[in-house]
Amino acid sequence: MSVMKHKKTLFLALLTMLLWGSLFPMVKLGFAAYGVTTTADILLFAGIRFVIGGVVICLVTAIREPASYRPAGKNILPVLLSGLFAIVLHYSCTYAGLQLTDSSKTAILKQVGALFYVCFSFVFIREDKPTARKIVAAAVGFLGIVALNISGGGLTFSLGDGLILGASFCTVFSNVISKKLFANVRPVTATGISQLFGGAVLLVVGLLMGGRVQFRLDSSLWIMGYICVASIVSYCIWFGIVKSGELSKLFIIKFAEPVFACIFGALILSEDIWKIQYLIAFLLISGSIWISNVKRKKTSK
């Protein structure tokens, strides 16, 4: 990969992390604004979000590149499987976990699956071989996650943490499926279909469980508007770079997501991020990104 292409990929990946990081506190803000309190409400909220996103992406691609749906139709099972892991399972766990733990902590716990993939990438994609630099970066990032979970009483773990860990592995599986899928299907087209499918499943399940979302025609609608726009833009960018990028290196860049989540958590929800374990975690995560990207850039000249 050339230096310029590497810089562009790094920028786009970090932009995606910024958008995803901002969504953690924004979703919590949405819960409060729209009266989302139960599991059924959460699933319905997620369903609405991704149905809107999926419809918008599908309409745009249908108008601009209608031919892209022909290969998507021939590969519909992996497209739907990607939607199952990326949307249905991932967000069921994430949204439920958000009710039980801080959004800042949630964002960092979601990196565990990425760390696992970096170390064992060859199991999923033969060409994506682990290297010493990747392993060191993964180890440093893992230490950041351990540091985050250390409190006065020692290492803590809750049901909410477990749900977020499950979501993190769903992310790995969905990206592996998508990486292979994009050899035949355009990333934007697959993203639209998978979001529409996943959102529809969550919406139906939420309704059947009696979920309610109290939308009002007032200024609070900007919250759902931001969530939908950020989701559309971030997923289209991410899956666009997943097609040609190396997943293990992209997953290391994902360590920036919790940094942005903590910043936005403090700005939007006034969460307390002035804790020594958060500072240590941020430094370690920043170090992991530096190891895997900055040094690599220097040796590629």
C-alpha atoms as a PDB file:
ATOM      1  CA  MET A   1       0.000   0.000   0.000  1.00  0.00           C
ATOM      2  CA  SER A   2       1.408   3.430  -0.985  1.00  0.00           C
ATOM      3  CA  VAL A   3       2.008   6.119   1.640  1.00  0.00           C
ATOM      4  CA  MET A   4      -0.798   8.309   0.234  1.00  0.00           C
ATOM      5  CA  LYS A   5      -3.276   5.445   0.111  1.00  0.00           C
ATOM      6  CA  HIS A   6      -2.296   4.430   3.629  1.00  0.00           C
ATOM      7  CA  LYS A   7      -2.855   7.986   4.867  1.00  0.00           C
ATOM      8  CA  LYS A   8      -6.266   8.129   3.176  1.00  0.00           C
ATOM      9  CA  THR A   9      -7.298   4.781   4.671  1.00  0.00           C
ATOM     10  CA  LEU A  10      -6.091   5.846   8.111  1.00  0.00           C
ATOM     11  CA  PHE A  11      -8.004   9.141   7.871  1.00  0.00           C
ATOM     12  CA  LEU A  12     -11.233   7.445   6.757  1.00  0.00           C
ATOM     13  CA  ALA A  13     -10.911   4.789   9.455  1.00  0.00           C
ATOM     14  CA  LEU A  14     -10.366   7.434  12.153  1.00  0.00           C
ATOM     15  CA  LEU A  15     -13.329   9.451  10.823  1.00  0.00           C
ATOM     16  CA  THR A  16     -15.453   6.313  11.160  1.00  0.00           C
ATOM     17  CA  MET A  17     -14.203   5.838  14.713  1.00  0.00           C
ATOM     18  CA  LEU A  18     -15.139   9.433  15.526  1.00  0.00           C
ATOM     19  CA  LEU A  19     -18.675   8.881  14.243  1.00  0.00           C
ATOM     20  CA  TRP A  20     -19.060   5.532  16.005  1.00  0.00           C
ATOM     21  CA  GLY A  21     -17.634   6.973  19.209  1.00  0.00           C
ATOM     22  CA  SER A  22     -20.164   9.805  19.146  1.00  0.00           C
ATOM     23  CA  LEU A  23     -23.022   7.320  18.765  1.00  0.00           C
ATOM     24  CA  PHE A  24     -22.539   5.725  22.204  1.00  0.00           C
ATOM     25  CA  PRO A  25     -23.613   8.799  24.202  1.00  0.00           C
ATOM     26  CA  MET A  26     -26.075   9.873  21.492  1.00  0.00           C
ATOM     27  CA  VAL A  27     -27.930   6.569  21.774  1.00  0.00           C
ATOM     28  CA  LYS A  28     -28.128   7.026  25.538  1.00  0.00           C
ATOM     29  CA  LEU A  29     -29.446  10.533  24.945  1.00  0.00           C
ATOM     30  CA  GLY A  30     -32.021   9.048  22.586  1.00  0.00           C
ATOM     31  CA  PHE A  31     -33.113   6.544  25.221  1.00  0.00           C
ATOM     32  CA  ALA A  32     -33.876   9.400  27.617  1.00  0.00           C
ATOM     33  CA  ALA A  33     -35.526  11.640  25.001  1.00  0.00           C
ATOM     34  CA  TYR A  34     -37.840   8.970  23.561  1.00  0.00           C
ATOM     35  CA  GLY A  35     -38.779   7.105  26.711  1.00  0.00           C
ATOM     36  CA  VAL A  36     -36.785   3.982  25.875  1.00  0.00           C
ATOM     37  CA  THR A  37     -36.597   1.960  29.084  1.00  0.00           C
ATOM     38  CA  THR A  38     -37.276  -1.726  28.418  1.00  0.00           C
ATOM     39  CA  THR A  39     -35.514  -4.347  26.298  1.00  0.00           C
ATOM     40  CA  ALA A  40     -38.444  -4.267  23.851  1.00  0.00           C
ATOM     41  CA  ASP A  41     -38.101  -0.486  23.541  1.00  0.00           C
ATOM     42  CA  ILE A  42     -34.377  -0.844  22.868  1.00  0.00           C
ATOM     43  CA  LEU A  43     -34.886  -3.382  20.082  1.00  0.00           C
ATOM     44  CA  LEU A  44     -37.589  -1.237  18.499  1.00  0.00           C
ATOM     45  CA  PHE A  45     -35.349   1.842  18.714  1.00  0.00           C
ATOM     46  CA  ALA A  46     -32.507  -0.036  17.017  1.00  0.00           C
ATOM     47  CA  GLY A  47     -34.894  -1.378  14.380  1.00  0.00           C
ATOM     48  CA  ILE A  48     -36.159   2.089  13.486  1.00  0.00           C
ATOM     49  CA  ARG A  49     -32.597   3.384  13.248  1.00  0.00           C
ATOM     50  CA  PHE A  50     -31.417   0.717  10.820  1.00  0.00           C
ATOM     51  CA  VAL A  51     -34.588   0.482   8.750  1.00  0.00           C
ATOM     52  CA  ILE A  52     -34.255   4.208   8.044  1.00  0.00           C
ATOM     53  CA  GLY A  53     -30.551   3.793   7.261  1.00  0.00           C
ATOM     54  CA  GLY A  54     -31.134   0.743   5.088  1.00  0.00           C
ATOM     55  CA  VAL A  55     -33.954   2.374   3.111  1.00  0.00           C
ATOM     56  CA  VAL A  56     -31.877   5.500   2.420  1.00  0.00           C
ATOM     57  CA  ILE A  57     -28.810   3.532   1.280  1.00  0.00           C
ATOM     58  CA  CYS A  58     -30.873   1.141  -0.864  1.00  0.00           C
ATOM     59  CA  LEU A  59     -32.746   3.997  -2.549  1.00  0.00           C
ATOM     60  CA  VAL A  60     -29.544   5.872  -3.353  1.00  0.00           C
ATOM     61  CA  THR A  61     -27.780   2.794  -4.748  1.00  0.00           C
ATOM     62  CA  ALA A  62     -30.893   1.735  -6.690  1.00  0.00           C
ATOM     63  CA  ILE A  63     -30.938   5.125  -8.411  1.00  0.00           C
ATOM     64  CA  ARG A  64     -27.193   5.491  -8.964  1.00  0.00           C
ATOM     65  CA  GLU A  65     -26.111   1.878  -9.561  1.00  0.00           C
ATOM     66  CA  PRO A  66     -29.113  -0.400 -10.123  1.00  0.00           C
ATOM     67  CA  ALA A  67     -26.873  -3.065 -11.699  1.00  0.00           C
ATOM     68  CA  SER A  68     -25.174  -3.591  -8.318  1.00  0.00           C
ATOM     69  CA  TYR A  69     -28.239  -5.456  -7.060  1.00  0.00           C
ATOM     70  CA  ARG A  70     -27.748  -8.324  -9.527  1.00  0.00           C
ATOM     71  CA  PRO A  71     -24.623  -9.741  -7.815  1.00  0.00           C
ATOM     72  CA  ALA A  72     -26.171  -8.897  -4.439  1.00  0.00           C
ATOM     73  CA  GLY A  73     -29.151 -11.101  -5.281  1.00  0.00           C
ATOM     74  CA  LYS A  74     -26.848 -13.980  -6.204  1.00  0.00           C
ATOM     75  CA  ASN A  75     -25.085 -13.636  -2.843  1.00  0.00           C
ATOM     76  CA  ILE A  76     -28.143 -12.851  -0.733  1.00  0.00           C
ATOM     77  CA  LEU A  77     -27.445 -15.454   1.988  1.00  0.00           C
ATOM     78  CA  PRO A  78     -24.033 -14.041   3.035  1.00  0.00           C
ATOM     79  CA  VAL A  79     -25.486 -10.503   2.764  1.00  0.00           C
ATOM     80  CA  LEU A  80     -28.269 -11.443   5.187  1.00  0.00           C
ATOM     81  CA  LEU A  81     -25.820 -13.334   7.412  1.00  0.00           C
ATOM     82  CA  SER A  82     -23.728 -10.179   7.626  1.00  0.00           C
ATOM     83  CA  GLY A  83     -26.859  -8.282   8.644  1.00  0.00           C
ATOM     84  CA  LEU A  84     -27.636 -10.905  11.291  1.00  0.00           C
ATOM     85  CA  PHE A  85     -24.261 -10.496  13.012  1.00  0.00           C
ATOM     86  CA  ALA A  86     -23.623  -6.792  12.279  1.00  0.00           C
ATOM     87  CA  ILE A  87     -27.106  -5.521  13.115  1.00  0.00           C
ATOM     88  CA  VAL A  88     -29.420  -7.996  14.860  1.00  0.00           C
ATOM     89  CA  LEU A  89     -27.048  -9.728  17.287  1.00  0.00           C
ATOM     90  CA  HIS A  90     -24.506  -6.925  17.602  1.00  0.00           C
ATOM     91  CA  TYR A  91     -26.966  -4.181  18.453  1.00  0.00           C
ATOM     92  CA  SER A  92     -29.218  -6.337  20.603  1.00  0.00           C
ATOM     93  CA  CYS A  93     -26.198  -6.924  22.842  1.00  0.00           C
ATOM     94  CA  THR A  94     -24.863  -3.380  22.536  1.00  0.00           C
ATOM     95  CA  TYR A  95     -28.096  -1.547  23.312  1.00  0.00           C
ATOM     96  CA  ALA A  96     -28.915  -3.835  26.221  1.00  0.00           C
ATOM     97  CA  GLY A  97     -25.370  -3.453  27.556  1.00  0.00           C
ATOM     98  CA  LEU A  98     -25.552   0.332  27.297  1.00  0.00           C
ATOM     99  CA  GLN A  99     -28.276   0.305  29.942  1.00  0.00           C
ATOM    100  CA  LEU A 100     -25.974  -1.423  32.400  1.00  0.00           C
ATOM    101  CA  THR A 101     -22.592   0.253  31.911  1.00  0.00           C
ATOM    102  CA  ASP A 102     -21.065   3.641  31.016  1.00  0.00           C
ATOM    103  CA  SER A 103     -20.835   4.430  27.315  1.00  0.00           C
ATOM    104  CA  SER A 104     -17.111   5.136  27.752  1.00  0.00           C
ATOM    105  CA  LYS A 105     -16.480   1.677  29.206  1.00  0.00           C
ATOM    106  CA  THR A 106     -18.770   0.116  26.612  1.00  0.00           C
ATOM    107  CA  ALA A 107     -16.715   1.480  23.738  1.00  0.00           C
ATOM    108  CA  ILE A 108     -13.480   0.022  25.087  1.00  0.00           C
ATOM    109  CA  LEU A 109     -14.944  -3.402  25.902  1.00  0.00           C
ATOM    110  CA  LYS A 110     -16.137  -3.619  22.310  1.00  0.00           C
ATOM    111  CA  GLN A 111     -12.492  -3.851  21.219  1.00  0.00           C
ATOM    112  CA  VAL A 112     -11.905  -7.288  22.786  1.00  0.00           C
ATOM    113  CA  GLY A 113     -13.138  -9.088  19.678  1.00  0.00           C
ATOM    114  CA  ALA A 114     -10.813  -6.973  17.559  1.00  0.00           C
ATOM    115  CA  LEU A 115      -7.870  -7.921  19.767  1.00  0.00           C
ATOM    116  CA  PHE A 116      -8.746 -11.590  19.368  1.00  0.00           C
ATOM    117  CA  TYR A 117      -8.901 -11.218  15.596  1.00  0.00           C
ATOM    118  CA  VAL A 118      -5.514  -9.481  15.392  1.00  0.00           C
ATOM    119  CA  CYS A 119      -3.873 -12.440  17.152  1.00  0.00           C
ATOM    120  CA  PHE A 120      -5.736 -15.168  15.259  1.00  0.00           C
ATOM    121  CA  SER A 121      -6.515 -13.491  11.910  1.00  0.00           C
ATOM    122  CA  PHE A 122      -5.046 -16.393   9.923  1.00  0.00           C
ATOM    123  CA  VAL A 123      -7.838 -18.631  11.219  1.00  0.00           C
ATOM    124  CA  PHE A 124     -10.416 -16.486   9.402  1.00  0.00           C
ATOM    125  CA  ILE A 125      -8.517 -15.124   6.383  1.00  0.00           C
ATOM    126  CA  ARG A 126      -5.397 -17.000   5.293  1.00  0.00           C
ATOM    127  CA  GLU A 127      -3.725 -13.957   3.707  1.00  0.00           C
ATOM    128  CA  ASP A 128      -4.163 -11.834   6.852  1.00  0.00           C
ATOM    129  CA  LYS A 129      -1.173 -13.175   8.747  1.00  0.00           C
ATOM    130  CA  PRO A 130      -0.259 -12.020  12.263  1.00  0.00           C
ATOM    131  CA  THR A 131       3.041 -10.172  12.663  1.00  0.00           C
ATOM    132  CA  ALA A 132       5.122  -9.192  15.668  1.00  0.00           C
ATOM    133  CA  ARG A 133       3.987  -5.572  15.303  1.00  0.00           C
ATOM    134  CA  LYS A 134       0.306  -6.596  15.245  1.00  0.00           C
ATOM    135  CA  ILE A 135       0.692  -8.876  18.264  1.00  0.00           C
ATOM    136  CA  VAL A 136       2.486  -6.187  20.271  1.00  0.00           C
ATOM    137  CA  ALA A 137      -0.160  -3.609  19.327  1.00  0.00           C
ATOM    138  CA  ALA A 138      -2.911  -6.032  20.318  1.00  0.00           C
ATOM    139  CA  ALA A 139      -1.223  -6.783  23.646  1.00  0.00           C
ATOM    140  CA  VAL A 140      -0.837  -3.080  24.437  1.00  0.00           C
ATOM    141  CA  GLY A 141      -4.493  -2.472  23.579  1.00  0.00           C
ATOM    142  CA  PHE A 142      -5.556  -5.401  25.755  1.00  0.00           C
ATOM    143  CA  LEU A 143      -3.662  -3.911  28.693  1.00  0.00           C
ATOM    144  CA  GLY A 144      -5.687  -0.759  28.137  1.00  0.00           C
ATOM    145  CA  ILE A 145      -8.914  -2.736  28.461  1.00  0.00           C
ATOM    146  CA  VAL A 146      -7.662  -4.413  31.659  1.00  0.00           C
ATOM    147  CA  ALA A 147      -6.666  -1.004  33.072  1.00  0.00           C
ATOM    148  CA  LEU A 148     -10.132   0.370  32.365  1.00  0.00           C
ATOM    149  CA  ASN A 149     -11.814  -2.400  34.378  1.00  0.00           C
ATOM    150  CA  ILE A 150      -9.671  -2.098  37.480  1.00  0.00           C
ATOM    151  CA  SER A 151     -11.470  -0.305  40.306  1.00  0.00           C
ATOM    152  CA  GLY A 152     -10.827   0.059  44.013  1.00  0.00           C
ATOM    153  CA  GLY A 153     -12.144  -3.455  44.569  1.00  0.00           C
ATOM    154  CA  GLY A 154     -10.084  -5.040  41.806  1.00  0.00           C
ATOM    155  CA  LEU A 155     -11.081  -6.269  38.363  1.00  0.00           C
ATOM    156  CA  THR A 156     -14.844  -5.887  37.880  1.00  0.00           C
ATOM    157  CA  PHE A 157     -17.148  -7.642  35.438  1.00  0.00           C
ATOM    158  CA  SER A 158     -20.918  -7.379  35.061  1.00  0.00           C
ATOM    159  CA  LEU A 159     -23.761  -8.663  32.889  1.00  0.00           C
ATOM    160  CA  GLY A 160     -23.568  -5.464  30.875  1.00  0.00           C
ATOM    161  CA  ASP A 161     -19.863  -6.105  30.243  1.00  0.00           C
ATOM    162  CA  GLY A 162     -20.670  -9.617  29.036  1.00  0.00           C
ATOM    163  CA  LEU A 163     -23.268  -8.337  26.579  1.00  0.00           C
ATOM    164  CA  ILE A 164     -20.781  -5.829  25.159  1.00  0.00           C
ATOM    165  CA  LEU A 165     -18.145  -8.557  24.771  1.00  0.00           C
ATOM    166  CA  GLY A 166     -20.677 -10.620  22.817  1.00  0.00           C
ATOM    167  CA  ALA A 167     -21.309  -7.613  20.586  1.00  0.00           C
ATOM    168  CA  SER A 168     -17.576  -7.229  19.956  1.00  0.00           C
ATOM    169  CA  PHE A 169     -17.283 -10.775  18.608  1.00  0.00           C
ATOM    170  CA  CYS A 170     -20.348 -10.233  16.416  1.00  0.00           C
ATOM    171  CA  THR A 171     -18.414  -7.323  14.894  1.00  0.00           C
ATOM    172  CA  VAL A 172     -15.505  -9.630  14.057  1.00  0.00           C
ATOM    173  CA  PHE A 173     -17.732 -12.263  12.442  1.00  0.00           C
ATOM    174  CA  SER A 174     -19.668  -9.683  10.402  1.00  0.00           C
ATOM    175  CA  ASN A 175     -16.463  -8.081   9.109  1.00  0.00           C
ATOM    176  CA  VAL A 176     -14.957 -11.428   8.126  1.00  0.00           C
ATOM    177  CA  ILE A 177     -18.162 -12.331   6.243  1.00  0.00           C
ATOM    178  CA  SER A 178     -18.257  -8.898   4.599  1.00  0.00           C
ATOM    179  CA  LYS A 179     -14.581  -8.994   3.608  1.00  0.00           C
ATOM    180  CA  LYS A 180     -15.196 -12.171   1.616  1.00  0.00           C
ATOM    181  CA  LEU A 181     -18.557 -10.952   0.319  1.00  0.00           C
ATOM    182  CA  PHE A 182     -17.141  -7.730  -1.125  1.00  0.00           C
ATOM    183  CA  ALA A 183     -15.165  -9.674  -3.700  1.00  0.00           C
ATOM    184  CA  ASN A 184     -18.490 -10.063  -5.549  1.00  0.00           C
ATOM    185  CA  VAL A 185     -20.837  -7.396  -4.165  1.00  0.00           C
ATOM    186  CA  ARG A 186     -20.371  -3.617  -3.868  1.00  0.00           C
ATOM    187  CA  PRO A 187     -19.887  -2.642  -0.195  1.00  0.00           C
ATOM    188  CA  VAL A 188     -22.518   0.139  -0.237  1.00  0.00           C
ATOM    189  CA  THR A 189     -25.162  -2.120  -1.775  1.00  0.00           C
ATOM    190  CA  ALA A 190     -24.459  -4.928   0.689  1.00  0.00           C
ATOM    191  CA  THR A 191     -24.490  -2.420   3.574  1.00  0.00           C
ATOM    192  CA  GLY A 192     -27.920  -1.112   2.590  1.00  0.00           C
ATOM    193  CA  ILE A 193     -29.487  -4.553   2.259  1.00  0.00           C
ATOM    194  CA  SER A 194     -27.954  -5.873   5.483  1.00  0.00           C
ATOM    195  CA  GLN A 195     -29.050  -2.787   7.450  1.00  0.00           C
ATOM    196  CA  LEU A 196     -32.580  -2.978   6.068  1.00  0.00           C
ATOM    197  CA  PHE A 197     -32.814  -6.689   6.864  1.00  0.00           C
ATOM    198  CA  GLY A 198     -31.294  -6.382  10.324  1.00  0.00           C
ATOM    199  CA  GLY A 199     -33.361  -3.317  11.155  1.00  0.00           C
ATOM    200  CA  ALA A 200     -36.580  -5.011  10.027  1.00  0.00           C
ATOM    201  CA  VAL A 201     -35.865  -8.030  12.243  1.00  0.00           C
ATOM    202  CA  LEU A 202     -35.200  -5.841  15.281  1.00  0.00           C
ATOM    203  CA  LEU A 203     -38.260  -3.690  14.561  1.00  0.00           C
ATOM    204  CA  VAL A 204     -40.604  -6.678  14.301  1.00  0.00           C
ATOM    205  CA  VAL A 205     -39.193  -8.340  17.419  1.00  0.00           C
ATOM    206  CA  GLY A 206     -39.436  -5.083  19.347  1.00  0.00           C
ATOM    207  CA  LEU A 207     -43.060  -4.588  18.320  1.00  0.00           C
ATOM    208  CA  LEU A 208     -43.996  -8.188  19.161  1.00  0.00           C
ATOM    209  CA  MET A 209     -42.455  -7.729  22.606  1.00  0.00           C
ATOM    210  CA  GLY A 210     -44.552  -4.610  23.161  1.00  0.00           C
ATOM    211  CA  GLY A 211     -41.847  -2.002  22.629  1.00  0.00           C
ATOM    212  CA  ARG A 212     -42.698   1.698  22.374  1.00  0.00           C
ATOM    213  CA  VAL A 213     -40.660   4.697  21.238  1.00  0.00           C
ATOM    214  CA  GLN A 214     -42.176   8.098  22.043  1.00  0.00           C
ATOM    215  CA  PHE A 215     -41.175  10.281  19.102  1.00  0.00           C
ATOM    216  CA  ARG A 216     -42.389  13.883  19.176  1.00  0.00           C
ATOM    217  CA  LEU A 217     -42.431  16.547  16.473  1.00  0.00           C
ATOM    218  CA  ASP A 218     -40.085  18.847  18.332  1.00  0.00           C
ATOM    219  CA  SER A 219     -36.405  19.636  18.646  1.00  0.00           C
ATOM    220  CA  SER A 220     -35.636  16.140  20.007  1.00  0.00           C
ATOM    221  CA  LEU A 221     -35.950  14.708  16.485  1.00  0.00           C
ATOM    222  CA  TRP A 222     -32.417  15.916  15.762  1.00  0.00           C
ATOM    223  CA  ILE A 223     -31.144  13.119  17.991  1.00  0.00           C
ATOM    224  CA  MET A 224     -32.569  10.342  15.796  1.00  0.00           C
ATOM    225  CA  GLY A 225     -31.575  12.351  12.723  1.00  0.00           C
ATOM    226  CA  TYR A 226     -27.956  12.469  13.854  1.00  0.00           C
ATOM    227  CA  ILE A 227     -27.931   8.776  14.814  1.00  0.00           C
ATOM    228  CA  CYS A 228     -29.261   7.754  11.385  1.00  0.00           C
ATOM    229  CA  VAL A 229     -26.956  10.039   9.377  1.00  0.00           C
ATOM    230  CA  ALA A 230     -23.879   9.044  11.392  1.00  0.00           C
ATOM    231  CA  SER A 231     -24.775   5.364  10.965  1.00  0.00           C
ATOM    232  CA  ILE A 232     -25.246   5.658   7.209  1.00  0.00           C
ATOM    233  CA  VAL A 233     -22.021   7.584   6.618  1.00  0.00           C
ATOM    234  CA  SER A 234     -19.846   5.582   9.003  1.00  0.00           C
ATOM    235  CA  TYR A 235     -20.901   2.130   7.804  1.00  0.00           C
ATOM    236  CA  CYS A 236     -20.557   3.042   4.133  1.00  0.00           C
ATOM    237  CA  ILE A 237     -17.052   4.408   4.760  1.00  0.00           C
ATOM    238  CA  TRP A 238     -16.007   1.468   6.927  1.00  0.00           C
ATOM    239  CA  PHE A 239     -17.136  -1.288   4.592  1.00  0.00           C
ATOM    240  CA  GLY A 240     -15.635   0.625   1.679  1.00  0.00           C
ATOM    241  CA  ILE A 241     -12.166   0.430   3.254  1.00  0.00           C
ATOM    242  CA  VAL A 242     -12.749  -3.134   4.517  1.00  0.00           C
ATOM    243  CA  LYS A 243     -12.965  -4.287   0.895  1.00  0.00           C
ATOM    244  CA  SER A 244      -9.354  -3.376   0.087  1.00  0.00           C
ATOM    245  CA  GLY A 245      -7.818  -3.034   3.547  1.00  0.00           C
ATOM    246  CA  GLU A 246      -6.273  -5.596   5.860  1.00  0.00           C
ATOM    247  CA  LEU A 247      -8.784  -6.383   8.599  1.00  0.00           C
ATOM    248  CA  SER A 248      -6.244  -6.899  11.371  1.00  0.00           C
ATOM    249  CA  LYS A 249      -4.750  -3.443  10.780  1.00  0.00           C
ATOM    250  CA  LEU A 250      -8.187  -1.833  10.557  1.00  0.00           C
ATOM    251  CA  PHE A 251      -9.205  -3.495  13.820  1.00  0.00           C
ATOM    252  CA  ILE A 252      -6.158  -1.981  15.520  1.00  0.00           C
ATOM    253  CA  ILE A 253      -7.282   1.454  14.298  1.00  0.00           C
ATOM    254  CA  LYS A 254     -10.630   0.647  15.924  1.00  0.00           C
ATOM    255  CA  PHE A 255      -8.932   1.181  19.283  1.00  0.00           C
ATOM    256  CA  ALA A 256      -9.492   4.901  18.647  1.00  0.00           C
ATOM    257  CA  GLU A 257     -13.249   4.402  18.961  1.00  0.00           C
ATOM    258  CA  PRO A 258     -13.301   4.380  22.786  1.00  0.00           C
ATOM    259  CA  VAL A 259     -11.170   7.519  22.890  1.00  0.00           C
ATOM    260  CA  PHE A 260     -13.804   9.392  20.890  1.00  0.00           C
ATOM    261  CA  ALA A 261     -16.609   7.756  22.895  1.00  0.00           C
ATOM    262  CA  CYS A 262     -15.121   9.021  26.154  1.00  0.00           C
ATOM    263  CA  ILE A 263     -14.711  12.525  24.767  1.00  0.00           C
ATOM    264  CA  PHE A 264     -18.292  12.663  23.518  1.00  0.00           C
ATOM    265  CA  GLY A 265     -19.538  10.961  26.692  1.00  0.00           C
ATOM    266  CA  ALA A 266     -18.049  13.819  28.703  1.00  0.00           C
ATOM    267  CA  LEU A 267     -19.322  16.517  26.324  1.00  0.00           C
ATOM    268  CA  ILE A 268     -22.851  15.169  25.846  1.00  0.00           C
ATOM    269  CA  LEU A 269     -23.656  13.198  29.012  1.00  0.00           C
ATOM    270  CA  SER A 270     -21.221  14.808  31.461  1.00  0.00           C
ATOM    271  CA  GLU A 271     -19.792  11.380  32.264  1.00  0.00           C
ATOM    272  CA  ASP A 272     -16.807  11.344  34.583  1.00  0.00           C
ATOM    273  CA  ILE A 273     -13.775  10.406  32.504  1.00  0.00           C
ATOM    274  CA  TRP A 274     -11.246  11.948  34.906  1.00  0.00           C
ATOM    275  CA  LYS A 275     -10.182   8.617  36.353  1.00  0.00           C
ATOM    276  CA  ILE A 276      -6.638   7.309  36.450  1.00  0.00           C
ATOM    277  CA  GLN A 277      -7.618   3.996  34.827  1.00  0.00           C
ATOM    278  CA  TYR A 278      -9.192   5.853  31.887  1.00  0.00           C
ATOM    279  CA  LEU A 279      -6.022   7.899  31.400  1.00  0.00           C
ATOM    280  CA  ILE A 280      -3.878   4.750  31.454  1.00  0.00           C
ATOM    281  CA  ALA A 281      -6.267   3.047  29.017  1.00  0.00           C
ATOM    282  CA  PHE A 282      -6.147   6.010  26.622  1.00  0.00           C
ATOM    283  CA  LEU A 283      -2.344   6.064  26.650  1.00  0.00           C
ATOM    284  CA  LEU A 284      -2.097   2.327  26.002  1.00  0.00           C
ATOM    285  CA  ILE A 285      -4.671   2.424  23.217  1.00  0.00           C
ATOM    286  CA  SER A 286      -2.929   5.390  21.602  1.00  0.00           C
ATOM    287  CA  GLY A 287       0.309   3.435  21.854  1.00  0.00           C
ATOM    288  CA  SER A 288      -1.225   0.445  20.085  1.00  0.00           C
ATOM    289  CA  ILE A 289      -2.321   2.640  17.167  1.00  0.00           C
ATOM    290  CA  TRP A 290       1.136   4.232  16.996  1.00  0.00           C
ATOM    291  CA  ILE A 291       2.862   0.841  16.950  1.00  0.00           C
ATOM    292  CA  SER A 292       0.708  -0.550  14.162  1.00  0.00           C
ATOM    293  CA  ASN A 293       0.515   2.551  11.966  1.00  0.00           C
ATOM    294  CA  VAL A 294       3.183   5.212  12.521  1.00  0.00           C
ATOM    295  CA  LYS A 295       6.153   2.825  12.519  1.00  0.00           C
ATOM    296  CA  ARG A 296       4.725   0.959   9.579  1.00  0.00           C
ATOM    297  CA  LYS A 297       4.414   4.208   7.637  1.00  0.00           C
ATOM    298  CA  LYS A 298       8.073   5.019   8.231  1.00  0.00           C
ATOM    299  CA  THR A 299       9.281   1.646   6.988  1.00  0.00           C
ATOM    300  CA  SER A 300       7.123   1.837   3.846  1.00  0.00           C
ATOM    301  CA  LYS A 301       8.908   4.873   2.384  1.00  0.00           C
END
